[in-house]
Each structure stands twice: as C-alpha cells, then as structure tokens.
N, C-alpha and C. Protein backbone atom coordinates (compact mmCIF):
# COMPACT_ATOMS: atom_id res chain seq x y z
N MET A 1 90.24 96.75 117.90
CA MET A 1 91.20 96.53 116.80
C MET A 1 92.63 96.39 117.33
N GLU A 2 92.98 97.20 118.33
CA GLU A 2 94.34 97.11 118.89
C GLU A 2 94.60 95.73 119.48
N GLU A 3 93.57 95.16 120.12
CA GLU A 3 93.71 93.81 120.67
C GLU A 3 93.95 92.80 119.56
N LYS A 4 93.21 92.96 118.46
CA LYS A 4 93.35 92.04 117.33
C LYS A 4 94.75 92.12 116.74
N LEU A 5 95.27 93.33 116.65
CA LEU A 5 96.62 93.51 116.10
C LEU A 5 97.67 92.84 116.98
N LYS A 6 97.43 92.82 118.28
CA LYS A 6 98.39 92.19 119.20
C LYS A 6 98.56 90.71 118.90
N TYR A 7 97.51 90.10 118.37
CA TYR A 7 97.54 88.65 118.11
C TYR A 7 97.86 88.32 116.66
N THR A 8 98.35 89.30 115.92
CA THR A 8 98.78 89.04 114.55
C THR A 8 99.99 88.10 114.55
N GLU A 9 99.86 87.01 113.82
CA GLU A 9 100.95 86.03 113.73
C GLU A 9 101.80 86.24 112.49
N CYS A 10 101.23 86.92 111.49
CA CYS A 10 101.96 87.18 110.25
C CYS A 10 101.59 88.56 109.72
N TRP A 11 102.62 89.32 109.35
CA TRP A 11 102.44 90.65 108.76
C TRP A 11 102.87 90.61 107.30
N LEU A 12 101.98 91.05 106.42
CA LEU A 12 102.31 91.18 105.01
C LEU A 12 102.43 92.68 104.70
N PHE A 13 103.63 93.09 104.28
CA PHE A 13 103.87 94.49 103.99
C PHE A 13 104.10 94.70 102.50
N ASP A 14 103.36 95.62 101.92
CA ASP A 14 103.71 96.10 100.59
C ASP A 14 105.04 96.84 100.70
N LEU A 15 105.67 97.10 99.55
CA LEU A 15 106.98 97.76 99.56
C LEU A 15 106.88 99.24 99.23
N ASP A 16 106.64 99.57 97.97
CA ASP A 16 106.70 100.95 97.52
C ASP A 16 105.61 101.81 98.16
N ASN A 17 106.04 102.97 98.68
CA ASN A 17 105.16 103.93 99.33
C ASN A 17 104.48 103.38 100.58
N THR A 18 104.99 102.26 101.08
CA THR A 18 104.48 101.66 102.31
C THR A 18 105.60 101.53 103.33
N LEU A 19 106.61 100.75 103.00
CA LEU A 19 107.75 100.61 103.92
C LEU A 19 108.67 101.83 103.91
N TYR A 20 108.55 102.65 102.88
CA TYR A 20 109.20 103.95 102.91
C TYR A 20 108.14 105.01 102.60
N SER A 21 108.41 106.22 103.01
CA SER A 21 107.42 107.30 102.85
C SER A 21 107.26 107.68 101.39
N SER A 22 106.01 107.91 101.01
CA SER A 22 105.73 108.36 99.65
C SER A 22 106.31 109.74 99.38
N SER A 23 106.65 110.47 100.45
CA SER A 23 107.23 111.81 100.29
C SER A 23 108.61 111.77 99.62
N LEU A 24 109.22 110.58 99.59
CA LEU A 24 110.51 110.44 98.89
C LEU A 24 110.34 110.50 97.37
N ASN A 25 109.10 110.30 96.93
CA ASN A 25 108.80 110.33 95.49
C ASN A 25 109.66 109.34 94.69
N LEU A 26 110.00 108.24 95.32
CA LEU A 26 110.83 107.24 94.66
C LEU A 26 110.12 106.66 93.45
N PHE A 27 108.81 106.49 93.58
CA PHE A 27 108.08 105.86 92.49
C PHE A 27 108.00 106.77 91.28
N ASP A 28 108.22 108.06 91.47
CA ASP A 28 108.24 108.97 90.33
C ASP A 28 109.36 108.60 89.36
N GLN A 29 110.49 108.18 89.93
CA GLN A 29 111.62 107.74 89.09
C GLN A 29 111.24 106.49 88.30
N ILE A 30 110.59 105.56 88.98
CA ILE A 30 110.17 104.32 88.31
C ILE A 30 109.14 104.64 87.23
N ASP A 31 108.23 105.53 87.56
CA ASP A 31 107.18 105.92 86.62
C ASP A 31 107.77 106.48 85.32
N LYS A 32 108.78 107.32 85.45
CA LYS A 32 109.42 107.91 84.28
C LYS A 32 110.13 106.85 83.44
N ARG A 33 110.77 105.90 84.12
CA ARG A 33 111.48 104.84 83.39
C ARG A 33 110.47 103.90 82.71
N MET A 34 109.34 103.68 83.34
CA MET A 34 108.27 102.91 82.69
C MET A 34 107.86 103.59 81.38
N CYS A 35 107.65 104.88 81.47
CA CYS A 35 107.20 105.64 80.31
C CYS A 35 108.25 105.58 79.20
N ASN A 36 109.52 105.74 79.57
CA ASN A 36 110.60 105.66 78.58
C ASN A 36 110.67 104.29 77.94
N TYR A 37 110.48 103.25 78.75
CA TYR A 37 110.52 101.88 78.24
C TYR A 37 109.40 101.65 77.23
N VAL A 38 108.20 102.09 77.59
CA VAL A 38 107.04 101.92 76.70
C VAL A 38 107.25 102.68 75.39
N ALA A 39 107.76 103.92 75.49
CA ALA A 39 107.99 104.73 74.29
C ALA A 39 108.98 104.06 73.36
N LYS A 40 110.06 103.54 73.93
CA LYS A 40 111.10 102.90 73.12
C LYS A 40 110.60 101.58 72.53
N THR A 41 109.92 100.79 73.34
CA THR A 41 109.48 99.46 72.91
C THR A 41 108.38 99.53 71.86
N LEU A 42 107.45 100.46 72.05
CA LEU A 42 106.31 100.56 71.13
C LEU A 42 106.55 101.59 70.02
N ASN A 43 107.70 102.26 70.11
CA ASN A 43 108.05 103.27 69.12
C ASN A 43 106.97 104.35 69.02
N VAL A 44 106.65 104.92 70.17
CA VAL A 44 105.65 105.98 70.24
C VAL A 44 106.24 107.16 71.02
N SER A 45 105.55 108.29 70.99
CA SER A 45 106.01 109.45 71.75
C SER A 45 105.85 109.21 73.24
N LEU A 46 106.50 110.02 74.05
CA LEU A 46 106.37 109.89 75.50
C LEU A 46 104.92 110.14 75.94
N ALA A 47 104.26 111.05 75.26
CA ALA A 47 102.86 111.33 75.61
C ALA A 47 101.97 110.11 75.35
N GLU A 48 102.18 109.46 74.21
CA GLU A 48 101.42 108.25 73.89
C GLU A 48 101.81 107.11 74.83
N ALA A 49 103.09 107.02 75.12
CA ALA A 49 103.57 105.98 76.03
C ALA A 49 102.92 106.10 77.40
N TYR A 50 102.79 107.33 77.88
CA TYR A 50 102.17 107.58 79.18
C TYR A 50 100.72 107.10 79.19
N LYS A 51 100.00 107.34 78.08
CA LYS A 51 98.62 106.88 77.98
C LYS A 51 98.54 105.36 78.03
N PHE A 52 99.42 104.69 77.29
CA PHE A 52 99.47 103.22 77.32
C PHE A 52 99.75 102.73 78.74
N GLN A 53 100.76 103.33 79.34
CA GLN A 53 101.21 102.92 80.67
C GLN A 53 100.09 103.00 81.70
N LYS A 54 99.40 104.13 81.74
CA LYS A 54 98.35 104.31 82.74
C LYS A 54 97.11 103.50 82.41
N SER A 55 96.81 103.35 81.14
CA SER A 55 95.67 102.53 80.74
C SER A 55 95.88 101.08 81.15
N TYR A 56 97.08 100.57 80.91
CA TYR A 56 97.39 99.18 81.28
C TYR A 56 97.39 99.00 82.80
N PHE A 57 97.88 100.00 83.52
CA PHE A 57 97.88 99.92 84.98
C PHE A 57 96.46 99.79 85.51
N ARG A 58 95.56 100.61 84.97
CA ARG A 58 94.16 100.57 85.43
C ARG A 58 93.49 99.26 85.05
N GLU A 59 93.77 98.75 83.85
CA GLU A 59 93.08 97.55 83.37
C GLU A 59 93.65 96.26 83.92
N TYR A 60 94.98 96.20 84.04
CA TYR A 60 95.63 94.94 84.37
C TYR A 60 96.26 94.89 85.77
N GLY A 61 96.29 96.02 86.48
CA GLY A 61 96.90 96.03 87.81
C GLY A 61 98.34 96.49 87.82
N THR A 62 99.06 96.21 86.73
CA THR A 62 100.40 96.75 86.51
C THR A 62 100.55 97.05 85.01
N SER A 63 101.38 98.03 84.71
CA SER A 63 101.69 98.32 83.31
C SER A 63 102.37 97.12 82.66
N LEU A 64 103.20 96.44 83.45
CA LEU A 64 103.91 95.26 82.95
C LEU A 64 102.95 94.21 82.41
N LYS A 65 101.91 93.90 83.17
CA LYS A 65 100.96 92.87 82.74
C LYS A 65 100.30 93.25 81.43
N GLY A 66 99.95 94.52 81.28
CA GLY A 66 99.34 94.98 80.03
C GLY A 66 100.30 94.87 78.86
N LEU A 67 101.57 95.19 79.10
CA LEU A 67 102.58 95.09 78.04
C LEU A 67 102.83 93.63 77.66
N MET A 68 102.79 92.75 78.64
CA MET A 68 102.97 91.32 78.35
C MET A 68 101.80 90.78 77.54
N GLU A 69 100.60 91.16 77.93
CA GLU A 69 99.40 90.65 77.26
C GLU A 69 99.26 91.18 75.84
N ASN A 70 99.60 92.45 75.64
CA ASN A 70 99.32 93.09 74.36
C ASN A 70 100.54 93.21 73.44
N HIS A 71 101.75 93.11 74.00
CA HIS A 71 102.95 93.35 73.19
C HIS A 71 104.03 92.30 73.39
N LYS A 72 103.75 91.29 74.21
CA LYS A 72 104.66 90.14 74.39
C LYS A 72 106.08 90.56 74.78
N ILE A 73 106.18 91.56 75.66
CA ILE A 73 107.52 92.01 76.05
C ILE A 73 108.18 91.00 77.00
N ASP A 74 109.49 91.10 77.14
CA ASP A 74 110.24 90.29 78.08
C ASP A 74 110.11 90.94 79.46
N PRO A 75 109.43 90.29 80.41
CA PRO A 75 109.19 90.93 81.71
C PRO A 75 110.47 91.20 82.50
N PHE A 76 111.46 90.33 82.34
CA PHE A 76 112.71 90.52 83.10
C PHE A 76 113.48 91.73 82.59
N ASP A 77 113.46 91.92 81.29
CA ASP A 77 114.10 93.10 80.70
C ASP A 77 113.42 94.36 81.21
N TYR A 78 112.10 94.34 81.24
CA TYR A 78 111.32 95.48 81.74
C TYR A 78 111.64 95.77 83.20
N LEU A 79 111.59 94.74 84.04
CA LEU A 79 111.82 94.92 85.47
C LEU A 79 113.21 95.45 85.76
N ASP A 80 114.20 94.92 85.06
CA ASP A 80 115.57 95.40 85.24
C ASP A 80 115.68 96.88 84.89
N TYR A 81 115.03 97.27 83.81
CA TYR A 81 115.12 98.65 83.35
C TYR A 81 114.40 99.62 84.29
N VAL A 82 113.16 99.33 84.63
CA VAL A 82 112.38 100.31 85.39
C VAL A 82 112.85 100.46 86.83
N HIS A 83 113.53 99.44 87.35
CA HIS A 83 113.99 99.51 88.75
C HIS A 83 115.43 100.00 88.88
N GLU A 84 116.03 100.41 87.78
CA GLU A 84 117.39 100.95 87.81
C GLU A 84 117.31 102.44 88.15
N ILE A 85 117.08 102.73 89.44
CA ILE A 85 116.86 104.11 89.86
C ILE A 85 117.84 104.50 90.97
N ASP A 86 117.87 105.78 91.28
CA ASP A 86 118.74 106.31 92.33
C ASP A 86 118.06 106.12 93.69
N LEU A 87 118.65 105.28 94.54
CA LEU A 87 118.08 104.99 95.85
C LEU A 87 118.78 105.76 96.97
N SER A 88 119.66 106.68 96.60
CA SER A 88 120.46 107.37 97.61
C SER A 88 119.61 108.21 98.56
N ILE A 89 118.41 108.57 98.15
CA ILE A 89 117.54 109.38 98.99
C ILE A 89 117.01 108.59 100.19
N ILE A 90 117.04 107.26 100.10
CA ILE A 90 116.54 106.42 101.19
C ILE A 90 117.59 106.33 102.29
N LYS A 91 117.18 106.63 103.50
CA LYS A 91 118.06 106.53 104.67
C LYS A 91 117.47 105.52 105.66
N LYS A 92 118.28 105.12 106.61
CA LYS A 92 117.79 104.19 107.62
C LYS A 92 116.60 104.79 108.35
N ASP A 93 115.55 103.99 108.52
CA ASP A 93 114.38 104.41 109.27
C ASP A 93 114.50 103.84 110.68
N GLU A 94 115.02 104.64 111.60
CA GLU A 94 115.30 104.19 112.96
C GLU A 94 114.03 103.73 113.67
N LYS A 95 112.97 104.51 113.50
CA LYS A 95 111.73 104.17 114.20
C LYS A 95 111.11 102.89 113.65
N LEU A 96 111.15 102.72 112.33
CA LEU A 96 110.61 101.50 111.73
C LEU A 96 111.43 100.29 112.12
N ASP A 97 112.74 100.45 112.16
CA ASP A 97 113.63 99.37 112.59
C ASP A 97 113.31 98.96 114.03
N ALA A 98 113.13 99.94 114.89
CA ALA A 98 112.81 99.65 116.29
C ALA A 98 111.45 98.96 116.41
N ALA A 99 110.50 99.43 115.62
CA ALA A 99 109.16 98.82 115.65
C ALA A 99 109.19 97.38 115.20
N LEU A 100 109.87 97.12 114.09
CA LEU A 100 109.94 95.76 113.56
C LEU A 100 110.71 94.84 114.49
N THR A 101 111.69 95.38 115.20
CA THR A 101 112.46 94.59 116.17
C THR A 101 111.56 94.09 117.29
N LYS A 102 110.68 94.95 117.75
CA LYS A 102 109.83 94.61 118.90
C LYS A 102 108.54 93.92 118.49
N LEU A 103 108.12 94.11 117.25
CA LEU A 103 106.84 93.58 116.79
C LEU A 103 106.89 92.06 116.66
N PRO A 104 106.03 91.33 117.38
CA PRO A 104 106.03 89.87 117.26
C PRO A 104 105.38 89.44 115.95
N GLY A 105 105.66 88.22 115.55
CA GLY A 105 105.04 87.66 114.36
C GLY A 105 105.98 87.61 113.16
N ARG A 106 105.61 86.79 112.21
CA ARG A 106 106.36 86.68 110.96
C ARG A 106 106.15 87.94 110.13
N LYS A 107 107.13 88.27 109.29
CA LYS A 107 107.03 89.46 108.46
C LYS A 107 107.48 89.12 107.05
N ILE A 108 106.62 89.39 106.08
CA ILE A 108 106.87 89.06 104.67
C ILE A 108 106.55 90.28 103.82
N VAL A 109 107.40 90.56 102.85
CA VAL A 109 107.12 91.62 101.88
C VAL A 109 106.31 91.02 100.74
N PHE A 110 105.20 91.67 100.40
CA PHE A 110 104.28 91.21 99.35
C PHE A 110 104.17 92.35 98.34
N THR A 111 104.89 92.23 97.22
CA THR A 111 105.04 93.36 96.31
C THR A 111 104.82 93.00 94.85
N ASN A 112 104.35 93.97 94.09
CA ASN A 112 104.25 93.83 92.64
C ASN A 112 105.57 94.18 91.95
N ALA A 113 106.57 94.55 92.73
CA ALA A 113 107.90 94.83 92.19
C ALA A 113 108.70 93.52 92.13
N ALA A 114 110.00 93.64 91.84
CA ALA A 114 110.87 92.46 91.73
C ALA A 114 111.78 92.36 92.95
N THR A 115 112.15 91.15 93.30
CA THR A 115 112.95 90.90 94.50
C THR A 115 114.28 91.64 94.54
N PRO A 116 115.08 91.66 93.46
CA PRO A 116 116.36 92.38 93.54
C PRO A 116 116.19 93.85 93.94
N TYR A 117 115.19 94.49 93.39
CA TYR A 117 114.89 95.88 93.74
C TYR A 117 114.42 95.98 95.18
N ALA A 118 113.51 95.09 95.58
CA ALA A 118 112.99 95.10 96.95
C ALA A 118 114.12 94.94 97.97
N LYS A 119 115.05 94.05 97.68
CA LYS A 119 116.18 93.84 98.59
C LYS A 119 117.02 95.11 98.75
N LYS A 120 117.23 95.82 97.65
CA LYS A 120 118.01 97.06 97.71
C LYS A 120 117.32 98.10 98.59
N VAL A 121 116.00 98.21 98.44
CA VAL A 121 115.24 99.17 99.24
C VAL A 121 115.31 98.80 100.72
N LEU A 122 115.10 97.54 101.03
CA LEU A 122 115.14 97.08 102.43
C LEU A 122 116.52 97.29 103.05
N GLU A 123 117.56 97.08 102.24
CA GLU A 123 118.92 97.28 102.74
C GLU A 123 119.19 98.76 103.01
N LYS A 124 118.68 99.63 102.14
CA LYS A 124 118.86 101.07 102.35
C LYS A 124 118.13 101.54 103.61
N LEU A 125 116.97 100.97 103.86
CA LEU A 125 116.21 101.29 105.07
C LEU A 125 116.83 100.63 106.31
N GLU A 126 117.69 99.64 106.05
CA GLU A 126 118.35 98.84 107.10
C GLU A 126 117.33 98.07 107.93
N ILE A 127 116.38 97.45 107.22
CA ILE A 127 115.37 96.63 107.89
C ILE A 127 115.26 95.24 107.26
N ALA A 128 116.17 94.90 106.36
CA ALA A 128 116.07 93.64 105.60
C ALA A 128 116.03 92.41 106.51
N ASP A 129 116.77 92.46 107.61
CA ASP A 129 116.88 91.29 108.49
C ASP A 129 115.57 90.94 109.19
N HIS A 130 114.62 91.83 109.17
CA HIS A 130 113.34 91.57 109.85
C HIS A 130 112.40 90.68 109.03
N PHE A 131 112.69 90.50 107.75
CA PHE A 131 111.74 89.80 106.87
C PHE A 131 112.23 88.41 106.50
N GLU A 132 111.32 87.46 106.65
CA GLU A 132 111.69 86.08 106.33
C GLU A 132 111.64 85.81 104.83
N ALA A 133 110.90 86.63 104.09
CA ALA A 133 110.75 86.36 102.65
C ALA A 133 110.24 87.59 101.93
N ILE A 134 110.45 87.57 100.62
CA ILE A 134 109.85 88.56 99.71
C ILE A 134 109.07 87.77 98.67
N PHE A 135 107.79 88.05 98.58
CA PHE A 135 106.95 87.44 97.54
C PHE A 135 106.73 88.50 96.49
N ASP A 136 107.35 88.31 95.32
CA ASP A 136 107.35 89.37 94.31
C ASP A 136 106.52 89.01 93.09
N ILE A 137 106.59 89.85 92.08
CA ILE A 137 105.80 89.68 90.87
C ILE A 137 106.21 88.43 90.09
N VAL A 138 107.45 88.02 90.22
CA VAL A 138 107.91 86.79 89.56
C VAL A 138 107.31 85.58 90.25
N ASP A 139 107.30 85.58 91.59
CA ASP A 139 106.66 84.49 92.35
C ASP A 139 105.19 84.37 91.97
N ALA A 140 104.59 85.49 91.64
CA ALA A 140 103.16 85.51 91.29
C ALA A 140 102.91 85.22 89.81
N ASN A 141 103.96 84.76 89.11
CA ASN A 141 103.84 84.48 87.67
C ASN A 141 103.38 85.71 86.89
N PHE A 142 103.84 86.88 87.37
CA PHE A 142 103.58 88.17 86.73
C PHE A 142 102.11 88.58 86.78
N ILE A 143 101.36 87.93 87.66
CA ILE A 143 99.97 88.32 87.90
C ILE A 143 99.98 89.23 89.13
N PRO A 144 99.57 90.47 88.99
CA PRO A 144 99.72 91.43 90.09
C PRO A 144 98.56 91.42 91.09
N LYS A 145 98.84 91.93 92.28
CA LYS A 145 97.75 92.33 93.15
C LYS A 145 96.90 93.35 92.39
N PRO A 146 95.59 93.36 92.51
CA PRO A 146 94.77 92.63 93.49
C PRO A 146 94.11 91.35 92.95
N GLU A 147 94.74 90.65 92.04
CA GLU A 147 94.16 89.40 91.54
C GLU A 147 94.09 88.40 92.70
N PRO A 148 92.90 87.90 93.06
CA PRO A 148 92.75 87.05 94.24
C PRO A 148 93.64 85.80 94.25
N LYS A 149 93.90 85.22 93.07
CA LYS A 149 94.70 83.99 93.05
C LYS A 149 96.11 84.20 93.60
N VAL A 150 96.62 85.44 93.48
CA VAL A 150 97.96 85.74 93.98
C VAL A 150 97.98 85.68 95.51
N TYR A 151 96.90 86.11 96.14
CA TYR A 151 96.80 86.06 97.59
C TYR A 151 96.73 84.60 98.06
N GLN A 152 96.01 83.79 97.29
CA GLN A 152 95.97 82.36 97.61
C GLN A 152 97.36 81.74 97.49
N GLN A 153 98.13 82.20 96.51
CA GLN A 153 99.49 81.68 96.32
C GLN A 153 100.37 81.97 97.51
N ILE A 154 100.36 83.22 97.98
CA ILE A 154 101.25 83.57 99.08
C ILE A 154 100.81 82.88 100.37
N VAL A 155 99.51 82.74 100.55
CA VAL A 155 98.99 82.04 101.74
C VAL A 155 99.43 80.58 101.73
N SER A 156 99.33 79.95 100.57
CA SER A 156 99.73 78.55 100.44
C SER A 156 101.24 78.37 100.58
N LYS A 157 102.01 79.24 99.93
CA LYS A 157 103.46 79.09 99.93
C LYS A 157 104.05 79.20 101.32
N TYR A 158 103.50 80.11 102.12
CA TYR A 158 104.08 80.36 103.45
C TYR A 158 103.21 79.85 104.59
N ASN A 159 102.19 79.05 104.25
CA ASN A 159 101.33 78.43 105.26
C ASN A 159 100.79 79.48 106.22
N ILE A 160 100.14 80.46 105.67
CA ILE A 160 99.64 81.60 106.43
C ILE A 160 98.20 81.36 106.86
N SER A 161 97.90 81.69 108.10
CA SER A 161 96.52 81.66 108.61
C SER A 161 95.94 83.06 108.46
N CYS A 162 94.93 83.19 107.60
CA CYS A 162 94.42 84.52 107.25
C CYS A 162 93.84 85.27 108.43
N ASN A 163 93.15 84.57 109.32
CA ASN A 163 92.48 85.29 110.42
C ASN A 163 93.44 85.79 111.49
N THR A 164 94.72 85.45 111.37
CA THR A 164 95.72 86.01 112.29
C THR A 164 96.81 86.74 111.49
N THR A 165 96.44 87.23 110.32
CA THR A 165 97.37 87.95 109.44
C THR A 165 96.90 89.39 109.25
N THR A 166 97.85 90.32 109.24
CA THR A 166 97.56 91.72 108.96
C THR A 166 98.32 92.14 107.70
N MET A 167 97.61 92.74 106.75
CA MET A 167 98.24 93.21 105.52
C MET A 167 98.26 94.73 105.50
N VAL A 168 99.43 95.29 105.17
CA VAL A 168 99.63 96.74 105.14
C VAL A 168 99.96 97.14 103.71
N GLU A 169 99.25 98.13 103.18
CA GLU A 169 99.32 98.43 101.75
C GLU A 169 98.92 99.88 101.50
N ASP A 170 99.53 100.51 100.48
CA ASP A 170 99.18 101.89 100.17
C ASP A 170 98.11 102.01 99.08
N ILE A 171 97.88 100.95 98.31
CA ILE A 171 96.85 101.00 97.26
C ILE A 171 95.60 100.29 97.79
N LEU A 172 94.55 101.06 97.98
CA LEU A 172 93.37 100.57 98.68
C LEU A 172 92.77 99.32 98.05
N LYS A 173 92.67 99.28 96.73
CA LYS A 173 92.03 98.13 96.08
C LYS A 173 92.80 96.83 96.32
N ASN A 174 94.08 96.93 96.61
CA ASN A 174 94.88 95.73 96.87
C ASN A 174 94.55 95.09 98.22
N LEU A 175 93.81 95.80 99.05
CA LEU A 175 93.41 95.24 100.34
C LEU A 175 92.10 94.46 100.24
N GLY A 176 91.39 94.63 99.12
CA GLY A 176 90.10 93.95 98.96
C GLY A 176 90.16 92.44 99.14
N PRO A 177 91.00 91.73 98.35
CA PRO A 177 91.08 90.28 98.50
C PRO A 177 91.55 89.84 99.88
N ALA A 178 92.45 90.61 100.48
CA ALA A 178 92.94 90.28 101.82
C ALA A 178 91.80 90.31 102.82
N ALA A 179 90.97 91.34 102.73
CA ALA A 179 89.82 91.46 103.63
C ALA A 179 88.84 90.32 103.43
N GLU A 180 88.59 89.96 102.18
CA GLU A 180 87.66 88.86 101.88
C GLU A 180 88.16 87.53 102.42
N MET A 181 89.48 87.39 102.54
CA MET A 181 90.06 86.15 103.07
C MET A 181 90.13 86.15 104.60
N GLY A 182 89.75 87.26 105.21
CA GLY A 182 89.73 87.32 106.67
C GLY A 182 90.92 88.00 107.31
N MET A 183 91.79 88.61 106.50
CA MET A 183 92.94 89.32 107.07
C MET A 183 92.51 90.67 107.61
N THR A 184 93.25 91.15 108.60
CA THR A 184 93.11 92.52 109.06
C THR A 184 93.82 93.41 108.05
N THR A 185 93.21 94.54 107.69
CA THR A 185 93.77 95.38 106.64
C THR A 185 94.13 96.77 107.15
N VAL A 186 95.32 97.22 106.76
CA VAL A 186 95.82 98.54 107.14
C VAL A 186 96.16 99.30 105.88
N TRP A 187 95.51 100.43 105.68
CA TRP A 187 95.74 101.26 104.49
C TRP A 187 96.62 102.45 104.84
N VAL A 188 97.77 102.55 104.17
CA VAL A 188 98.62 103.72 104.30
C VAL A 188 98.14 104.74 103.27
N ASN A 189 97.43 105.74 103.73
CA ASN A 189 96.83 106.73 102.84
C ASN A 189 97.87 107.78 102.47
N THR A 190 98.43 107.63 101.29
CA THR A 190 99.47 108.56 100.82
C THR A 190 98.89 109.79 100.15
N LYS A 191 97.58 109.75 99.90
CA LYS A 191 96.88 110.82 99.17
C LYS A 191 97.38 110.95 97.72
N LYS A 192 98.05 109.93 97.24
CA LYS A 192 98.45 109.90 95.83
C LYS A 192 97.22 109.55 94.99
N PRO A 193 97.15 110.04 93.75
CA PRO A 193 95.94 109.81 92.94
C PRO A 193 95.63 108.34 92.67
N TRP A 194 96.66 107.51 92.62
CA TRP A 194 96.41 106.10 92.31
C TRP A 194 96.06 105.28 93.55
N SER A 195 96.23 105.85 94.73
CA SER A 195 96.10 105.05 95.95
C SER A 195 94.67 104.61 96.24
N LYS A 196 93.71 105.43 95.88
CA LYS A 196 92.32 105.10 96.13
C LYS A 196 91.69 104.43 94.92
N ASN A 197 91.82 105.06 93.76
CA ASN A 197 91.51 104.39 92.50
C ASN A 197 90.13 103.75 92.45
N SER A 198 89.11 104.55 92.73
CA SER A 198 87.71 104.11 92.67
C SER A 198 87.43 102.87 93.51
N SER A 199 88.03 102.81 94.70
CA SER A 199 87.82 101.66 95.58
C SER A 199 87.08 102.08 96.85
N ASP A 200 86.11 102.97 96.70
CA ASP A 200 85.38 103.48 97.85
C ASP A 200 84.66 102.38 98.62
N GLU A 201 84.34 101.29 97.94
CA GLU A 201 83.60 100.22 98.60
C GLU A 201 84.47 99.41 99.55
N ILE A 202 85.78 99.55 99.47
CA ILE A 202 86.69 98.83 100.36
C ILE A 202 86.92 99.65 101.61
N LEU A 203 86.59 99.08 102.75
CA LEU A 203 86.74 99.77 104.03
C LEU A 203 87.82 99.08 104.85
N PRO A 204 89.03 99.62 104.88
CA PRO A 204 90.11 98.99 105.65
C PRO A 204 89.82 99.05 107.14
N ASP A 205 90.41 98.13 107.89
CA ASP A 205 90.22 98.12 109.34
C ASP A 205 90.91 99.31 110.00
N VAL A 206 92.06 99.69 109.43
CA VAL A 206 92.84 100.78 109.99
C VAL A 206 93.32 101.68 108.85
N VAL A 207 93.24 102.98 109.03
CA VAL A 207 93.77 103.94 108.05
C VAL A 207 94.86 104.76 108.75
N ILE A 208 96.05 104.81 108.15
CA ILE A 208 97.17 105.54 108.73
C ILE A 208 97.82 106.40 107.64
N GLU A 209 98.67 107.31 108.06
CA GLU A 209 99.42 108.10 107.08
C GLU A 209 100.92 107.87 107.19
N ASP A 210 101.37 107.43 108.34
CA ASP A 210 102.80 107.21 108.56
C ASP A 210 103.01 105.84 109.19
N LEU A 211 103.58 104.91 108.44
CA LEU A 211 103.74 103.55 108.93
C LEU A 211 104.67 103.47 110.14
N SER A 212 105.80 104.14 110.08
CA SER A 212 106.80 104.03 111.14
C SER A 212 106.22 104.39 112.51
N SER A 213 105.56 105.54 112.58
CA SER A 213 105.00 106.00 113.85
C SER A 213 103.89 105.09 114.33
N TRP A 214 103.01 104.71 113.41
CA TRP A 214 101.89 103.84 113.79
C TRP A 214 102.39 102.48 114.27
N LEU A 215 103.29 101.88 113.53
CA LEU A 215 103.77 100.54 113.87
C LEU A 215 104.57 100.58 115.18
N PHE A 216 105.29 101.66 115.40
CA PHE A 216 106.03 101.82 116.66
C PHE A 216 105.04 101.82 117.83
N GLY A 217 103.92 102.49 117.64
CA GLY A 217 102.90 102.51 118.69
C GLY A 217 102.30 101.14 118.91
N VAL A 218 102.03 100.40 117.84
CA VAL A 218 101.47 99.05 117.94
C VAL A 218 102.45 98.13 118.66
N ALA A 219 103.72 98.21 118.29
CA ALA A 219 104.75 97.34 118.86
C ALA A 219 104.98 97.61 120.34
N ASN A 220 104.71 98.83 120.76
CA ASN A 220 104.97 99.21 122.15
C ASN A 220 103.71 99.37 122.99
N ALA A 221 102.58 98.94 122.42
CA ALA A 221 101.30 99.05 123.15
C ALA A 221 101.27 98.09 124.33
C-alpha cells in the first residue's frame, strides 16, 4: 500500500474533521446552527428540528438536501447561516503544511460544505496554497457525497485518473463510490457516531486517526 501511495497523482481531501482534527469540535458549532435554522424555518421546537435534521442527514446525505427536497429552502441562505461560526480555535498545522509541501501530486478539496467556508478553514490552517481547487456542494448541484454521480463530476471536471487517485475522508460511507471507481481510500476514524454510519461493508485501504502525522510519514517515506 505504501508503494501505491507513492504513485498517487491526485489527492482528494474532505474538509471537516479531516483536514483539521475532530477534537476541535468545530462541526458542533455548525450542527447547532443547522438545528436553529431548521427550527426557525419550519417553525418547530429545537427538539423537533434536531429530529428533522438528523433524519434528513441519514436519508439524503446532508440535512440541506432534505430541506431542499421537502421544504424548498434557499440553499445559499442555509449555507451562509450554518457556516457563520467561530474559527478562532483553528491554528496553523505545521506538520500538515510540511507534509503537503513535500507530498507530490495534485491536491483538491472535495467537500459537502461551501467554498467560502472551506477557504476560511484552509486559510486558518495556513495550507490553502497547496490546493489547486475546491469542489463544493454548489459545484455538485447540491447533491452530496456519497451520491456516485458527484464523484463522476469531480473526475470529469478535473480530468482525474481514478487508479492513481487517493481519497481521504472521515465519513466511511463517502469512500464507497471512490473505491468502486478504483481510487485508493483512506479513512480518518474520528470515532464520531456519524463517521461509520452502518457502513461496515466498506473496507478502506488505510485507516488512520491523525491525518497530519500519517501524511507527514507518507510524504517523507
């Protein structure tokens, strides 16, 4: 596997809980704003909003997609609201920066979030210059991972060769389509309840807990 990683020509990195540590609990802030948005938009209690939010996430891949399908919400209004969070906890990741500097191959962020938010996170980590592009939920026409057509879109848009591509992701089921297309798959196991999500049948090529340390080792192998 280490030899195969050496010949990776393109790296696809998820953003949240992947390029930064899940220990920052950044997504908890987003989660709360999602719940508040649903409660306000649907005029329900926070408890009911939470049920809607998680039900839509499980059924549609993102809460946003469920809200669009069932309540015709404005996706841009939603994205602006839920991503308006405090990013001050994010600091430069020296080891990740060093790893990405030395790591050969193209590097693209592949996220169900929105580009303006992704750019802010990358800038806080001080790794933005390493990435040639961000493929976000808007590029995907609001169809989230793990919908296979989205993977075909990113492959086509950036002329990616799947058998020399490695995808890194914290949600296991999102690696399924990548594996079926011939990509090498790396699962960042955050031990968060949503990360596995009844995807026992998906066997990633590599399982890690800390991206920075692992990638630094790969880059310097």
